[in-house]
Amino acid sequence: MTRPSWDKLWMNVADVAGARSLCVRAQVGCVLVSPDNHVVAVSYNGPPAAFKHDDLPCTAWCPRARAVQCGESLDPEYGDCLTVHAEANALARADSAQLRGGTAYVSSAACFNCAKALANSGVTRVVHRVEAAHAHREPEKTEHLLRSCGLTVERWTA
């Protein structure tokens, strides 16, 4: 029996959390852990907590998702996406005192706005999965920002 590393464990948890997302394009999970590997918060991308969605996929309630489904581009003129990113959802639930010096595990490439929030959160390390399909998130730009703020950044490869 091989015991999984902490990184493998927490990325697996991020993947499972992401499976709860109602987004048809990207199901993203985020796990925030303390320096001693205790879970501080787990979340996934989805609409604000009070938003009525009836557990339906985003194409039923998100103007942007409906536009994309009809063949339109991701241009914001078709409506704003109602989804809150997994990192933002996790940070909203986190106790910042427990998070200081910890790690954020993200099952997809972190976007620039989430990178700013993570850099301001007290975590000192970000592990995220970057794949070719994530090019629109400009992972190099995001990673540069995080590193310039003193964080360690690792691309997850299983």
N, C-alpha and C. Protein backbone atom coordinates (compact mmCIF):
# COMPACT_ATOMS: atom_id res chain seq x y z
N MET A 1 0.85 -1.19 0.00
CA MET A 1 0.00 0.00 0.00
C MET A 1 0.89 1.25 0.00
N THR A 2 0.61 2.16 -0.92
CA THR A 2 1.36 3.39 -1.00
C THR A 2 0.52 4.53 -0.44
N ARG A 3 1.09 5.21 0.50
CA ARG A 3 0.38 6.33 1.12
C ARG A 3 0.51 7.56 0.23
N PRO A 4 -0.62 8.24 -0.09
CA PRO A 4 -0.53 9.41 -0.96
C PRO A 4 0.16 10.58 -0.25
N SER A 5 0.85 11.39 -1.02
CA SER A 5 1.45 12.61 -0.47
C SER A 5 0.34 13.57 -0.07
N TRP A 6 0.66 14.58 0.73
CA TRP A 6 -0.33 15.59 1.09
C TRP A 6 -0.85 16.28 -0.17
N ASP A 7 0.06 16.60 -1.10
CA ASP A 7 -0.38 17.27 -2.32
C ASP A 7 -1.38 16.42 -3.09
N LYS A 8 -1.11 15.15 -3.22
CA LYS A 8 -2.03 14.26 -3.94
C LYS A 8 -3.37 14.18 -3.22
N LEU A 9 -3.34 14.04 -1.90
CA LEU A 9 -4.57 13.97 -1.13
C LEU A 9 -5.42 15.23 -1.35
N TRP A 10 -4.81 16.39 -1.18
CA TRP A 10 -5.59 17.63 -1.25
C TRP A 10 -6.03 17.94 -2.67
N MET A 11 -5.24 17.58 -3.68
CA MET A 11 -5.71 17.78 -5.07
C MET A 11 -6.87 16.84 -5.37
N ASN A 12 -6.84 15.63 -4.83
CA ASN A 12 -7.98 14.71 -5.00
C ASN A 12 -9.23 15.29 -4.35
N VAL A 13 -9.08 15.88 -3.17
CA VAL A 13 -10.22 16.51 -2.49
C VAL A 13 -10.74 17.68 -3.33
N ALA A 14 -9.82 18.47 -3.89
CA ALA A 14 -10.24 19.59 -4.75
C ALA A 14 -11.03 19.08 -5.96
N ASP A 15 -10.57 17.99 -6.55
CA ASP A 15 -11.30 17.40 -7.69
C ASP A 15 -12.71 16.96 -7.29
N VAL A 16 -12.82 16.31 -6.15
CA VAL A 16 -14.14 15.84 -5.68
C VAL A 16 -15.04 17.03 -5.37
N ALA A 17 -14.49 18.06 -4.72
CA ALA A 17 -15.29 19.25 -4.42
C ALA A 17 -15.77 19.90 -5.70
N GLY A 18 -14.90 19.98 -6.70
CA GLY A 18 -15.27 20.58 -7.98
C GLY A 18 -16.42 19.87 -8.66
N ALA A 19 -16.57 18.58 -8.40
CA ALA A 19 -17.65 17.81 -9.01
C ALA A 19 -19.03 18.30 -8.56
N ARG A 20 -19.09 19.08 -7.48
CA ARG A 20 -20.37 19.65 -7.02
C ARG A 20 -20.81 20.85 -7.83
N SER A 21 -19.90 21.41 -8.63
CA SER A 21 -20.21 22.61 -9.39
C SER A 21 -21.33 22.35 -10.39
N LEU A 22 -22.14 23.37 -10.61
CA LEU A 22 -23.21 23.31 -11.60
C LEU A 22 -22.76 23.88 -12.95
N CYS A 23 -21.52 24.33 -13.02
CA CYS A 23 -20.99 24.91 -14.25
C CYS A 23 -20.73 23.80 -15.27
N VAL A 24 -21.20 24.01 -16.49
CA VAL A 24 -21.02 23.00 -17.52
C VAL A 24 -19.66 23.12 -18.21
N ARG A 25 -19.00 24.26 -18.06
CA ARG A 25 -17.71 24.50 -18.70
C ARG A 25 -16.53 24.08 -17.84
N ALA A 26 -16.58 24.40 -16.56
CA ALA A 26 -15.43 24.15 -15.69
C ALA A 26 -15.90 23.83 -14.28
N GLN A 27 -15.60 22.65 -13.84
CA GLN A 27 -15.93 22.26 -12.47
C GLN A 27 -14.63 22.32 -11.68
N VAL A 28 -14.53 23.35 -10.85
CA VAL A 28 -13.28 23.65 -10.15
C VAL A 28 -13.49 23.54 -8.65
N GLY A 29 -12.55 22.90 -7.99
CA GLY A 29 -12.56 22.81 -6.53
C GLY A 29 -11.33 23.48 -5.96
N CYS A 30 -11.44 23.93 -4.72
CA CYS A 30 -10.32 24.55 -4.02
C CYS A 30 -10.30 24.06 -2.58
N VAL A 31 -9.12 23.67 -2.12
CA VAL A 31 -8.93 23.27 -0.74
C VAL A 31 -7.87 24.18 -0.14
N LEU A 32 -8.18 24.79 0.99
CA LEU A 32 -7.22 25.61 1.71
C LEU A 32 -6.81 24.86 2.95
N VAL A 33 -5.51 24.67 3.13
CA VAL A 33 -5.02 23.93 4.29
C VAL A 33 -4.02 24.77 5.08
N SER A 34 -3.99 24.51 6.36
CA SER A 34 -3.05 25.19 7.26
C SER A 34 -1.64 24.64 7.04
N PRO A 35 -0.64 25.29 7.62
CA PRO A 35 0.73 24.79 7.46
C PRO A 35 0.92 23.36 7.97
N ASP A 36 0.07 22.92 8.91
CA ASP A 36 0.19 21.56 9.43
C ASP A 36 -0.82 20.61 8.79
N ASN A 37 -1.28 20.96 7.61
CA ASN A 37 -2.16 20.11 6.78
C ASN A 37 -3.52 19.80 7.39
N HIS A 38 -4.10 20.77 8.04
CA HIS A 38 -5.49 20.67 8.48
C HIS A 38 -6.35 21.49 7.54
N VAL A 39 -7.49 20.98 7.18
CA VAL A 39 -8.39 21.69 6.27
C VAL A 39 -8.92 22.95 6.94
N VAL A 40 -8.77 24.06 6.24
CA VAL A 40 -9.32 25.33 6.69
C VAL A 40 -10.64 25.60 5.97
N ALA A 41 -10.69 25.31 4.67
CA ALA A 41 -11.93 25.48 3.90
C ALA A 41 -11.84 24.67 2.62
N VAL A 42 -13.00 24.23 2.15
CA VAL A 42 -13.13 23.51 0.88
C VAL A 42 -14.32 24.12 0.16
N SER A 43 -14.15 24.38 -1.14
CA SER A 43 -15.29 24.91 -1.88
C SER A 43 -15.13 24.61 -3.37
N TYR A 44 -16.07 25.11 -4.14
CA TYR A 44 -16.11 24.88 -5.59
C TYR A 44 -16.75 26.09 -6.25
N ASN A 45 -16.64 26.18 -7.57
CA ASN A 45 -17.24 27.30 -8.28
C ASN A 45 -18.76 27.09 -8.40
N GLY A 46 -19.47 28.19 -8.22
CA GLY A 46 -20.93 28.13 -8.31
C GLY A 46 -21.55 29.48 -8.03
N PRO A 47 -22.85 29.58 -8.15
CA PRO A 47 -23.52 30.86 -7.93
C PRO A 47 -23.46 31.25 -6.45
N PRO A 48 -23.71 32.52 -6.16
CA PRO A 48 -23.76 32.94 -4.76
C PRO A 48 -24.72 32.06 -3.95
N ALA A 49 -24.44 31.89 -2.70
CA ALA A 49 -25.18 30.96 -1.84
C ALA A 49 -26.69 31.17 -1.88
N ALA A 50 -27.14 32.41 -1.91
CA ALA A 50 -28.58 32.69 -1.85
C ALA A 50 -29.26 32.65 -3.22
N PHE A 51 -28.49 32.44 -4.27
CA PHE A 51 -29.06 32.45 -5.62
C PHE A 51 -29.88 31.18 -5.85
N LYS A 52 -31.09 31.35 -6.37
CA LYS A 52 -31.98 30.21 -6.61
C LYS A 52 -31.60 29.55 -7.94
N HIS A 53 -31.17 28.30 -7.86
CA HIS A 53 -30.75 27.59 -9.07
C HIS A 53 -31.40 26.21 -9.20
N ASP A 54 -32.09 25.77 -8.18
CA ASP A 54 -32.82 24.49 -8.19
C ASP A 54 -31.94 23.30 -8.59
N ASP A 55 -30.65 23.38 -8.29
CA ASP A 55 -29.70 22.31 -8.62
C ASP A 55 -29.63 22.00 -10.12
N LEU A 56 -29.98 22.99 -10.93
CA LEU A 56 -29.90 22.83 -12.38
C LEU A 56 -28.55 23.31 -12.88
N PRO A 57 -28.07 22.80 -14.01
CA PRO A 57 -26.80 23.28 -14.55
C PRO A 57 -26.89 24.76 -14.92
N CYS A 58 -25.75 25.40 -15.01
CA CYS A 58 -25.71 26.85 -15.23
C CYS A 58 -26.40 27.28 -16.51
N THR A 59 -26.52 26.42 -17.48
CA THR A 59 -27.20 26.79 -18.72
C THR A 59 -28.69 27.09 -18.50
N ALA A 60 -29.22 26.73 -17.34
CA ALA A 60 -30.63 27.01 -17.02
C ALA A 60 -30.81 28.38 -16.37
N TRP A 61 -29.76 28.97 -15.81
CA TRP A 61 -29.93 30.21 -15.06
C TRP A 61 -28.87 31.28 -15.29
N CYS A 62 -27.80 30.97 -15.99
CA CYS A 62 -26.72 31.94 -16.20
C CYS A 62 -26.79 32.51 -17.61
N PRO A 63 -26.96 33.84 -17.75
CA PRO A 63 -27.07 34.42 -19.09
C PRO A 63 -25.85 34.12 -19.97
N ARG A 64 -24.68 34.16 -19.41
CA ARG A 64 -23.47 33.90 -20.19
C ARG A 64 -23.41 32.44 -20.65
N ALA A 65 -23.76 31.52 -19.77
CA ALA A 65 -23.75 30.10 -20.14
C ALA A 65 -24.78 29.82 -21.23
N ARG A 66 -25.95 30.47 -21.14
CA ARG A 66 -26.97 30.28 -22.17
C ARG A 66 -26.49 30.81 -23.51
N ALA A 67 -25.79 31.96 -23.50
CA ALA A 67 -25.27 32.54 -24.74
C ALA A 67 -24.24 31.61 -25.37
N VAL A 68 -23.36 31.06 -24.55
CA VAL A 68 -22.35 30.14 -25.06
C VAL A 68 -23.01 28.89 -25.63
N GLN A 69 -24.02 28.41 -24.96
CA GLN A 69 -24.75 27.23 -25.42
C GLN A 69 -25.38 27.47 -26.79
N CYS A 70 -25.73 28.72 -27.07
CA CYS A 70 -26.33 29.07 -28.37
C CYS A 70 -25.27 29.41 -29.41
N GLY A 71 -24.00 29.20 -29.08
CA GLY A 71 -22.94 29.42 -30.05
C GLY A 71 -22.31 30.80 -30.00
N GLU A 72 -22.70 31.62 -29.04
CA GLU A 72 -22.10 32.95 -28.92
C GLU A 72 -20.73 32.81 -28.26
N SER A 73 -19.95 33.87 -28.28
CA SER A 73 -18.62 33.85 -27.66
C SER A 73 -18.76 34.05 -26.15
N LEU A 74 -17.63 34.02 -25.46
CA LEU A 74 -17.64 34.26 -24.01
C LEU A 74 -17.64 35.75 -23.69
N ASP A 75 -17.89 36.57 -24.68
CA ASP A 75 -17.87 38.02 -24.51
C ASP A 75 -18.87 38.44 -23.44
N PRO A 76 -18.45 39.32 -22.52
CA PRO A 76 -19.36 39.76 -21.44
C PRO A 76 -20.62 40.47 -21.92
N GLU A 77 -20.65 40.93 -23.17
CA GLU A 77 -21.86 41.60 -23.67
C GLU A 77 -23.07 40.67 -23.63
N TYR A 78 -22.82 39.36 -23.55
CA TYR A 78 -23.93 38.40 -23.49
C TYR A 78 -24.39 38.16 -22.07
N GLY A 79 -23.86 38.89 -21.14
CA GLY A 79 -24.25 38.76 -19.74
C GLY A 79 -23.09 38.30 -18.89
N ASP A 80 -23.11 38.73 -17.67
CA ASP A 80 -22.05 38.34 -16.74
C ASP A 80 -22.30 36.93 -16.23
N CYS A 81 -21.23 36.20 -16.07
CA CYS A 81 -21.31 34.88 -15.46
C CYS A 81 -21.67 35.07 -13.99
N LEU A 82 -22.58 34.27 -13.51
CA LEU A 82 -23.03 34.40 -12.12
C LEU A 82 -22.19 33.56 -11.15
N THR A 83 -21.23 32.83 -11.68
CA THR A 83 -20.45 31.92 -10.84
C THR A 83 -19.37 32.65 -10.05
N VAL A 84 -19.26 32.28 -8.80
CA VAL A 84 -18.15 32.72 -7.94
C VAL A 84 -17.09 31.62 -8.04
N HIS A 85 -15.85 32.02 -8.26
CA HIS A 85 -14.79 31.03 -8.43
C HIS A 85 -14.53 30.26 -7.14
N ALA A 86 -14.03 29.05 -7.29
CA ALA A 86 -13.78 28.15 -6.16
C ALA A 86 -12.87 28.78 -5.12
N GLU A 87 -11.82 29.47 -5.57
CA GLU A 87 -10.88 30.08 -4.63
C GLU A 87 -11.57 31.16 -3.80
N ALA A 88 -12.38 31.99 -4.46
CA ALA A 88 -13.09 33.05 -3.74
C ALA A 88 -14.09 32.46 -2.75
N ASN A 89 -14.80 31.42 -3.16
CA ASN A 89 -15.73 30.76 -2.25
C ASN A 89 -15.01 30.17 -1.04
N ALA A 90 -13.88 29.53 -1.26
CA ALA A 90 -13.12 28.94 -0.16
C ALA A 90 -12.59 30.03 0.77
N LEU A 91 -12.04 31.10 0.20
CA LEU A 91 -11.50 32.18 1.03
C LEU A 91 -12.59 32.85 1.86
N ALA A 92 -13.81 32.93 1.32
CA ALA A 92 -14.92 33.53 2.07
C ALA A 92 -15.28 32.70 3.29
N ARG A 93 -14.97 31.42 3.26
CA ARG A 93 -15.31 30.52 4.37
C ARG A 93 -14.14 30.26 5.32
N ALA A 94 -12.97 30.78 4.96
CA ALA A 94 -11.75 30.44 5.70
C ALA A 94 -11.52 31.35 6.90
N ASP A 95 -10.92 30.79 7.92
CA ASP A 95 -10.43 31.54 9.07
C ASP A 95 -9.01 31.96 8.72
N SER A 96 -8.81 33.24 8.49
CA SER A 96 -7.51 33.72 8.00
C SER A 96 -6.37 33.42 8.97
N ALA A 97 -6.65 33.37 10.26
CA ALA A 97 -5.59 33.06 11.22
C ALA A 97 -5.06 31.63 11.03
N GLN A 98 -5.95 30.69 10.69
CA GLN A 98 -5.53 29.31 10.46
C GLN A 98 -4.86 29.14 9.10
N LEU A 99 -5.17 30.04 8.18
CA LEU A 99 -4.67 29.93 6.82
C LEU A 99 -3.24 30.45 6.66
N ARG A 100 -2.83 31.35 7.52
CA ARG A 100 -1.53 32.00 7.39
C ARG A 100 -0.40 30.97 7.28
N GLY A 101 0.35 31.04 6.18
CA GLY A 101 1.44 30.11 5.93
C GLY A 101 1.00 28.81 5.29
N GLY A 102 -0.27 28.69 4.97
CA GLY A 102 -0.81 27.45 4.42
C GLY A 102 -0.71 27.38 2.90
N THR A 103 -1.46 26.42 2.36
CA THR A 103 -1.43 26.14 0.92
C THR A 103 -2.84 26.12 0.36
N ALA A 104 -2.96 26.65 -0.86
CA ALA A 104 -4.21 26.56 -1.62
C ALA A 104 -4.01 25.54 -2.72
N TYR A 105 -4.92 24.58 -2.81
CA TYR A 105 -4.93 23.57 -3.87
C TYR A 105 -6.12 23.86 -4.76
N VAL A 106 -5.86 24.05 -6.06
CA VAL A 106 -6.91 24.40 -7.01
C VAL A 106 -6.89 23.39 -8.14
N SER A 107 -8.04 22.82 -8.45
CA SER A 107 -8.09 21.74 -9.44
C SER A 107 -7.98 22.22 -10.88
N SER A 108 -7.87 23.53 -11.07
CA SER A 108 -7.72 24.12 -12.40
C SER A 108 -6.73 25.27 -12.28
N ALA A 109 -6.37 25.87 -13.40
CA ALA A 109 -5.48 27.03 -13.37
C ALA A 109 -6.19 28.19 -12.68
N ALA A 110 -5.54 28.77 -11.71
CA ALA A 110 -6.10 29.93 -11.01
C ALA A 110 -6.11 31.12 -11.96
N CYS A 111 -7.18 31.91 -11.92
CA CYS A 111 -7.25 33.11 -12.76
C CYS A 111 -6.53 34.26 -12.04
N PHE A 112 -6.34 35.36 -12.76
CA PHE A 112 -5.60 36.49 -12.22
C PHE A 112 -6.30 37.09 -11.00
N ASN A 113 -7.62 37.25 -11.06
CA ASN A 113 -8.34 37.83 -9.91
C ASN A 113 -8.26 36.94 -8.69
N CYS A 114 -8.36 35.64 -8.87
CA CYS A 114 -8.23 34.74 -7.73
C CYS A 114 -6.80 34.74 -7.20
N ALA A 115 -5.84 34.91 -8.09
CA ALA A 115 -4.44 34.99 -7.66
C ALA A 115 -4.24 36.19 -6.74
N LYS A 116 -4.87 37.31 -7.07
CA LYS A 116 -4.77 38.49 -6.20
C LYS A 116 -5.35 38.19 -4.82
N ALA A 117 -6.49 37.54 -4.80
CA ALA A 117 -7.13 37.21 -3.52
C ALA A 117 -6.27 36.21 -2.73
N LEU A 118 -5.73 35.21 -3.42
CA LEU A 118 -4.87 34.24 -2.73
C LEU A 118 -3.61 34.92 -2.19
N ALA A 119 -3.02 35.81 -2.98
CA ALA A 119 -1.81 36.51 -2.53
C ALA A 119 -2.07 37.36 -1.30
N ASN A 120 -3.30 37.81 -1.15
CA ASN A 120 -3.67 38.67 -0.02
C ASN A 120 -4.20 37.87 1.17
N SER A 121 -4.31 36.56 1.04
CA SER A 121 -4.99 35.73 2.04
C SER A 121 -4.11 35.24 3.18
N GLY A 122 -2.81 35.22 2.96
CA GLY A 122 -1.92 34.65 3.97
C GLY A 122 -1.35 33.30 3.58
N VAL A 123 -1.88 32.67 2.53
CA VAL A 123 -1.27 31.42 2.08
C VAL A 123 0.11 31.76 1.52
N THR A 124 1.00 30.81 1.59
CA THR A 124 2.34 31.04 1.06
C THR A 124 2.67 30.12 -0.11
N ARG A 125 1.71 29.27 -0.45
CA ARG A 125 1.94 28.31 -1.53
C ARG A 125 0.63 28.06 -2.26
N VAL A 126 0.72 27.97 -3.59
CA VAL A 126 -0.43 27.64 -4.41
C VAL A 126 -0.05 26.49 -5.32
N VAL A 127 -0.86 25.43 -5.28
CA VAL A 127 -0.68 24.29 -6.17
C VAL A 127 -1.92 24.27 -7.06
N HIS A 128 -1.72 24.39 -8.37
CA HIS A 128 -2.87 24.39 -9.27
C HIS A 128 -2.57 23.55 -10.50
N ARG A 129 -3.64 23.03 -11.10
CA ARG A 129 -3.52 22.19 -12.29
C ARG A 129 -3.64 23.09 -13.52
N VAL A 130 -2.61 23.07 -14.35
CA VAL A 130 -2.61 23.88 -15.57
C VAL A 130 -2.57 22.93 -16.76
N GLU A 131 -3.58 23.06 -17.61
CA GLU A 131 -3.67 22.24 -18.82
C GLU A 131 -3.80 23.17 -20.02
N ALA A 132 -3.62 22.64 -21.21
CA ALA A 132 -3.69 23.45 -22.43
C ALA A 132 -5.03 24.20 -22.53
N ALA A 133 -6.10 23.58 -22.08
CA ALA A 133 -7.43 24.20 -22.15
C ALA A 133 -7.55 25.43 -21.25
N HIS A 134 -6.58 25.66 -20.38
CA HIS A 134 -6.63 26.79 -19.45
C HIS A 134 -5.86 28.00 -19.96
N ALA A 135 -5.44 27.98 -21.21
CA ALA A 135 -4.62 29.08 -21.75
C ALA A 135 -5.32 30.43 -21.62
N HIS A 136 -6.65 30.46 -21.73
CA HIS A 136 -7.38 31.73 -21.62
C HIS A 136 -7.24 32.37 -20.25
N ARG A 137 -6.84 31.60 -19.26
CA ARG A 137 -6.64 32.14 -17.91
C ARG A 137 -5.25 32.74 -17.73
N GLU A 138 -4.43 32.64 -18.74
CA GLU A 138 -3.07 33.19 -18.72
C GLU A 138 -2.30 32.76 -17.47
N PRO A 139 -2.06 31.46 -17.33
CA PRO A 139 -1.41 30.96 -16.12
C PRO A 139 -0.02 31.55 -15.86
N GLU A 140 0.73 31.87 -16.88
CA GLU A 140 2.06 32.46 -16.66
C GLU A 140 1.94 33.81 -15.97
N LYS A 141 0.98 34.62 -16.42
CA LYS A 141 0.73 35.94 -15.81
C LYS A 141 0.31 35.77 -14.34
N THR A 142 -0.58 34.82 -14.11
CA THR A 142 -1.06 34.55 -12.75
C THR A 142 0.09 34.09 -11.86
N GLU A 143 0.88 33.16 -12.35
CA GLU A 143 2.00 32.64 -11.57
C GLU A 143 3.04 33.73 -11.30
N HIS A 144 3.28 34.60 -12.27
CA HIS A 144 4.22 35.70 -12.07
C HIS A 144 3.75 36.60 -10.93
N LEU A 145 2.46 36.92 -10.92
CA LEU A 145 1.92 37.76 -9.84
C LEU A 145 2.12 37.09 -8.49
N LEU A 146 1.75 35.82 -8.40
CA LEU A 146 1.87 35.11 -7.12
C LEU A 146 3.32 35.08 -6.65
N ARG A 147 4.23 34.77 -7.56
CA ARG A 147 5.65 34.71 -7.18
C ARG A 147 6.18 36.09 -6.79
N SER A 148 5.71 37.14 -7.48
CA SER A 148 6.17 38.49 -7.14
C SER A 148 5.65 38.93 -5.78
N CYS A 149 4.62 38.26 -5.29
CA CYS A 149 4.08 38.52 -3.95
C CYS A 149 4.70 37.60 -2.91
N GLY A 150 5.69 36.80 -3.32
CA GLY A 150 6.40 35.95 -2.37
C GLY A 150 5.84 34.56 -2.19
N LEU A 151 4.85 34.18 -2.98
CA LEU A 151 4.27 32.85 -2.84
C LEU A 151 5.04 31.83 -3.69
N THR A 152 5.05 30.61 -3.24
CA THR A 152 5.57 29.50 -4.02
C THR A 152 4.42 28.98 -4.86
N VAL A 153 4.68 28.74 -6.14
CA VAL A 153 3.65 28.25 -7.05
C VAL A 153 4.11 26.96 -7.68
N GLU A 154 3.24 25.98 -7.68
CA GLU A 154 3.54 24.69 -8.31
C GLU A 154 2.41 24.30 -9.23
N ARG A 155 2.79 23.84 -10.41
CA ARG A 155 1.82 23.27 -11.33
C ARG A 155 1.67 21.80 -11.01
N TRP A 156 0.44 21.37 -10.82
CA TRP A 156 0.18 19.99 -10.45
C TRP A 156 0.18 19.11 -11.67
N THR A 157 0.94 18.07 -11.57
CA THR A 157 0.90 17.00 -12.56
C THR A 157 0.81 15.70 -11.79
N ALA A 158 -0.23 14.96 -12.04
CA ALA A 158 -0.46 13.74 -11.26
C ALA A 158 0.53 12.66 -11.65
